[in-house]
C-alpha atoms as a PDB file:
ATOM      1  CA  MET A   1      61.752  24.524 -13.033  1.00  0.00           C
ATOM      2  CA  SER A   2      62.934  25.970 -10.380  1.00  0.00           C
ATOM      3  CA  ALA A   3      63.238  29.826  -9.406  1.00  0.00           C
ATOM      4  CA  PRO A   4      66.621  30.997  -9.586  1.00  0.00           C
ATOM      5  CA  LEU A   5      67.861  31.244  -6.203  1.00  0.00           C
ATOM      6  CA  ASP A   6      68.614  35.256  -6.445  1.00  0.00           C
ATOM      7  CA  LEU A   7      64.901  36.116  -6.304  1.00  0.00           C
ATOM      8  CA  THR A   8      64.243  37.641  -3.263  1.00  0.00           C
ATOM      9  CA  PRO A   9      61.036  36.175  -1.662  1.00  0.00           C
ATOM     10  CA  GLU A  10      58.989  39.743  -2.416  1.00  0.00           C
ATOM     11  CA  GLU A  11      60.081  38.963  -6.361  1.00  0.00           C
ATOM     12  CA  ARG A  12      59.358  35.646  -6.238  1.00  0.00           C
ATOM     13  CA  ALA A  13      55.877  36.410  -4.798  1.00  0.00           C
ATOM     14  CA  GLU A  14      55.358  39.229  -7.312  1.00  0.00           C
ATOM     15  CA  LEU A  15      56.762  36.610 -10.137  1.00  0.00           C
ATOM     16  CA  PHE A  16      54.587  33.272  -9.068  1.00  0.00           C
ATOM     17  CA  GLY A  17      51.675  34.500  -7.153  1.00  0.00           C
ATOM     18  CA  GLY A  18      50.789  32.108  -4.231  1.00  0.00           C
ATOM     19  CA  PHE A  19      52.412  29.238  -6.544  1.00  0.00           C
ATOM     20  CA  GLY A  20      55.869  28.353  -5.312  1.00  0.00           C
ATOM     21  CA  PRO A  21      57.790  27.239  -7.594  1.00  0.00           C
ATOM     22  CA  ASP A  22      60.319  25.233  -5.245  1.00  0.00           C
ATOM     23  CA  GLU A  23      57.743  23.534  -3.028  1.00  0.00           C
ATOM     24  CA  HIS A  24      57.030  21.327  -6.225  1.00  0.00           C
ATOM     25  CA  ALA A  25      61.010  20.853  -6.930  1.00  0.00           C
ATOM     26  CA  ALA A  26      61.507  17.556  -5.351  1.00  0.00           C
ATOM     27  CA  GLU A  27      58.280  16.213  -6.691  1.00  0.00           C
ATOM     28  CA  ALA A  28      59.348  17.221 -10.038  1.00  0.00           C
ATOM     29  CA  GLU A  29      62.267  16.123 -10.012  1.00  0.00           C
ATOM     30  CA  GLN A  30      61.279  12.553  -8.493  1.00  0.00           C
ATOM     31  CA  ARG A  31      59.022  11.857 -11.530  1.00  0.00           C
ATOM     32  CA  TRP A  32      60.981  13.649 -14.101  1.00  0.00           C
ATOM     33  CA  GLY A  33      64.627  14.011 -12.530  1.00  0.00           C
ATOM     34  CA  GLY A  34      66.580  11.440 -15.241  1.00  0.00           C
ATOM     35  CA  THR A  35      65.068  12.870 -18.551  1.00  0.00           C
ATOM     36  CA  GLN A  36      66.618  15.330 -20.676  1.00  0.00           C
ATOM     37  CA  ALA A  37      64.398  17.327 -20.678  1.00  0.00           C
ATOM     38  CA  TRP A  38      64.495  18.163 -16.729  1.00  0.00           C
ATOM     39  CA  THR A  39      68.262  18.461 -17.123  1.00  0.00           C
ATOM     40  CA  ASP A  40      67.289  21.075 -20.108  1.00  0.00           C
ATOM     41  CA  ALA A  41      64.935  23.158 -17.752  1.00  0.00           C
ATOM     42  CA  MET A  42      67.034  23.084 -15.174  1.00  0.00           C
ATOM     43  CA  ARG A  43      69.934  24.649 -16.923  1.00  0.00           C
ATOM     44  CA  ARG A  44      67.751  27.184 -18.960  1.00  0.00           C
ATOM     45  CA  SER A  45      66.043  27.975 -15.776  1.00  0.00           C
ATOM     46  CA  SER A  46      69.171  28.612 -13.946  1.00  0.00           C
ATOM     47  CA  ALA A  47      70.081  31.485 -15.990  1.00  0.00           C
ATOM     48  CA  TYR A  48      67.042  33.311 -16.081  1.00  0.00           C
ATOM     49  CA  THR A  49      66.986  36.923 -14.653  1.00  0.00           C
ATOM     50  CA  LYS A  50      64.064  38.128 -13.273  1.00  0.00           C
ATOM     51  CA  GLN A  51      63.148  39.866 -15.892  1.00  0.00           C
ATOM     52  CA  ASP A  52      63.652  36.446 -17.961  1.00  0.00           C
ATOM     53  CA  TRP A  53      60.517  35.029 -15.432  1.00  0.00           C
ATOM     54  CA  GLN A  54      58.738  38.370 -16.115  1.00  0.00           C
ATOM     55  CA  ARG A  55      58.802  37.437 -19.768  1.00  0.00           C
ATOM     56  CA  PHE A  56      58.206  33.547 -19.110  1.00  0.00           C
ATOM     57  CA  MET A  57      54.930  34.697 -16.972  1.00  0.00           C
ATOM     58  CA  ALA A  58      53.837  37.324 -19.397  1.00  0.00           C
ATOM     59  CA  GLU A  59      54.008  35.056 -22.335  1.00  0.00           C
ATOM     60  CA  ALA A  60      52.201  32.185 -20.343  1.00  0.00           C
ATOM     61  CA  GLY A  61      49.720  34.333 -19.134  1.00  0.00           C
ATOM     62  CA  ASP A  62      48.608  35.905 -22.342  1.00  0.00           C
ATOM     63  CA  LEU A  63      48.203  32.417 -24.384  1.00  0.00           C
ATOM     64  CA  SER A  64      46.107  31.162 -21.138  1.00  0.00           C
ATOM     65  CA  SER A  65      44.039  33.784 -21.492  1.00  0.00           C
ATOM     66  CA  ARG A  66      43.632  33.648 -25.465  1.00  0.00           C
ATOM     67  CA  MET A  67      42.824  29.834 -24.796  1.00  0.00           C
ATOM     68  CA  ALA A  68      40.047  31.061 -22.041  1.00  0.00           C
ATOM     69  CA  ASP A  69      38.467  33.712 -24.926  1.00  0.00           C
ATOM     70  CA  ALA A  70      38.380  31.006 -27.816  1.00  0.00           C
ATOM     71  CA  MET A  71      36.765  28.552 -25.191  1.00  0.00           C
ATOM     72  CA  ARG A  72      34.104  30.842 -24.124  1.00  0.00           C
ATOM     73  CA  SER A  73      33.540  32.314 -28.124  1.00  0.00           C
ATOM     74  CA  GLY A  74      32.808  28.752 -28.855  1.00  0.00           C
ATOM     75  CA  ALA A  75      36.001  27.474 -31.036  1.00  0.00           C
ATOM     76  CA  PRO A  76      36.117  24.231 -30.653  1.00  0.00           C
ATOM     77  CA  ALA A  77      38.835  21.923 -29.219  1.00  0.00           C
ATOM     78  CA  ASP A  78      40.056  20.308 -32.048  1.00  0.00           C
ATOM     79  CA  GLY A  79      39.393  23.574 -34.450  1.00  0.00           C
ATOM     80  CA  GLU A  80      42.079  25.604 -36.010  1.00  0.00           C
ATOM     81  CA  LEU A  81      42.430  28.268 -33.184  1.00  0.00           C
ATOM     82  CA  ALA A  82      42.609  25.866 -30.465  1.00  0.00           C
ATOM     83  CA  MET A  83      44.803  23.719 -32.177  1.00  0.00           C
ATOM     84  CA  ALA A  84      47.354  27.002 -33.431  1.00  0.00           C
ATOM     85  CA  LEU A  85      46.960  27.782 -29.515  1.00  0.00           C
ATOM     86  CA  ALA A  86      48.017  24.487 -28.219  1.00  0.00           C
ATOM     87  CA  GLU A  87      51.121  24.323 -31.224  1.00  0.00           C
ATOM     88  CA  GLU A  88      52.365  27.857 -29.249  1.00  0.00           C
ATOM     89  CA  HIS A  89      51.669  26.412 -26.032  1.00  0.00           C
ATOM     90  CA  ARG A  90      53.819  23.447 -27.149  1.00  0.00           C
ATOM     91  CA  ALA A  91      56.699  26.050 -28.598  1.00  0.00           C
ATOM     92  CA  HIS A  92      56.749  28.392 -25.470  1.00  0.00           C
ATOM     93  CA  ILE A  93      58.051  25.516 -23.223  1.00  0.00           C
ATOM     94  CA  SER A  94      59.847  24.041 -25.960  1.00  0.00           C
ATOM     95  CA  ARG A  95      61.561  28.076 -26.047  1.00  0.00           C
ATOM     96  CA  TRP A  96      61.648  28.407 -22.475  1.00  0.00           C
ATOM     97  CA  CYS A  97      62.034  24.924 -20.908  1.00  0.00           C
ATOM     98  CA  TYR A  98      62.697  21.685 -22.536  1.00  0.00           C
ATOM     99  CA  ASP A  99      62.017  20.441 -26.169  1.00  0.00           C
ATOM    100  CA  CYS A 100      58.747  19.655 -25.832  1.00  0.00           C
ATOM    101  CA  THR A 101      57.888  16.764 -28.434  1.00  0.00           C
ATOM    102  CA  TYR A 102      54.211  16.427 -29.209  1.00  0.00           C
ATOM    103  CA  GLU A 103      54.439  12.883 -26.799  1.00  0.00           C
ATOM    104  CA  ILE A 104      55.564  15.077 -24.063  1.00  0.00           C
ATOM    105  CA  HIS A 105      52.639  17.655 -24.578  1.00  0.00           C
ATOM    106  CA  ARG A 106      50.016  15.048 -24.822  1.00  0.00           C
ATOM    107  CA  GLY A 107      51.336  13.823 -21.595  1.00  0.00           C
ATOM    108  CA  LEU A 108      50.994  17.613 -20.022  1.00  0.00           C
ATOM    109  CA  GLY A 109      47.966  18.042 -21.253  1.00  0.00           C
ATOM    110  CA  ASP A 110      46.955  15.029 -19.684  1.00  0.00           C
ATOM    111  CA  LEU A 111      48.137  15.979 -16.333  1.00  0.00           C
ATOM    112  CA  TYR A 112      45.792  19.051 -16.451  1.00  0.00           C
ATOM    113  CA  VAL A 113      43.109  17.596 -16.043  1.00  0.00           C
ATOM    114  CA  THR A 114      44.244  14.308 -14.092  1.00  0.00           C
ATOM    115  CA  ASP A 115      46.227  16.344 -11.207  1.00  0.00           C
ATOM    116  CA  PRO A 116      43.658  18.231  -9.428  1.00  0.00           C
ATOM    117  CA  ARG A 117      46.450  20.768  -8.575  1.00  0.00           C
ATOM    118  CA  PHE A 118      47.143  21.690 -12.180  1.00  0.00           C
ATOM    119  CA  THR A 119      43.199  21.579 -12.899  1.00  0.00           C
ATOM    120  CA  ALA A 120      42.147  23.969 -10.091  1.00  0.00           C
ATOM    121  CA  SER A 121      45.146  26.208 -11.449  1.00  0.00           C
ATOM    122  CA  ILE A 122      44.410  26.643 -15.257  1.00  0.00           C
ATOM    123  CA  ASP A 123      40.946  26.696 -13.948  1.00  0.00           C
ATOM    124  CA  ALA A 124      41.249  29.249 -12.297  1.00  0.00           C
ATOM    125  CA  THR A 125      41.155  31.544 -15.291  1.00  0.00           C
ATOM    126  CA  ALA A 126      38.087  29.899 -16.896  1.00  0.00           C
ATOM    127  CA  PRO A 127      36.040  27.078 -15.452  1.00  0.00           C
ATOM    128  CA  GLY A 128      36.927  24.146 -17.884  1.00  0.00           C
ATOM    129  CA  LEU A 129      39.777  25.451 -19.595  1.00  0.00           C
ATOM    130  CA  ALA A 130      42.101  22.572 -18.217  1.00  0.00           C
ATOM    131  CA  ALA A 131      40.010  19.938 -20.348  1.00  0.00           C
ATOM    132  CA  TYR A 132      39.626  22.509 -23.569  1.00  0.00           C
ATOM    133  CA  CYS A 133      43.020  22.438 -23.358  1.00  0.00           C
ATOM    134  CA  GLN A 134      43.956  19.122 -23.115  1.00  0.00           C
ATOM    135  CA  ALA A 135      41.457  18.214 -25.660  1.00  0.00           C
ATOM    136  CA  ALA A 136      43.299  21.325 -27.998  1.00  0.00           C
ATOM    137  CA  ILE A 137      46.829  19.519 -26.977  1.00  0.00           C
ATOM    138  CA  THR A 138      45.866  15.867 -27.866  1.00  0.00           C
ATOM    139  CA  ALA A 139      44.062  17.119 -30.987  1.00  0.00           C
ATOM    140  CA  ASN A 140      47.073  19.071 -32.396  1.00  0.00           C
ATOM    141  CA  ALA A 141      49.293  16.387 -31.554  1.00  0.00           C
ATOM    142  CA  ASP A 142      47.137  14.210 -33.194  1.00  0.00           C
ATOM    143  CA  ARG A 143      47.561  16.149 -36.319  1.00  0.00           C
ATOM    144  CA  HIS A 144      51.241  16.375 -36.404  1.00  0.00           C
ATOM    145  CA  THR A 145      51.827  12.924 -35.225  1.00  0.00           C
ATOM    146  CA  THR A 146      49.278  10.996 -37.287  1.00  0.00           C
END
């Protein structure tokens, strides 16, 4: 997704911190540009206001914190708590971005551990969180698709 063009540089920094969505737009379009998910994400995000982005980021941050708490508590990644959080993550993406099928969600989970940029960003919340999320996403997808 790309940030709306009407956000000021200050608003972008406030919302996204050191991450610049537009810096990765060309790569994302190259990878997923021909998909329905890409089309839906671009259509939806182009209409988002600053308040929409704030809500999106707050929900994502809360979910990441709760996933990190689950990991730190020793909850297994294939246990009910972690899988419920993975399902909530999938629903968050579907609500804000595009229809996140279990297949797509599984691919995102894999990306979290195979792309060092994603791993570093996710693990900034808690070391090992990217792998924990990937395992929870996989377990959740497995229970819904097998």
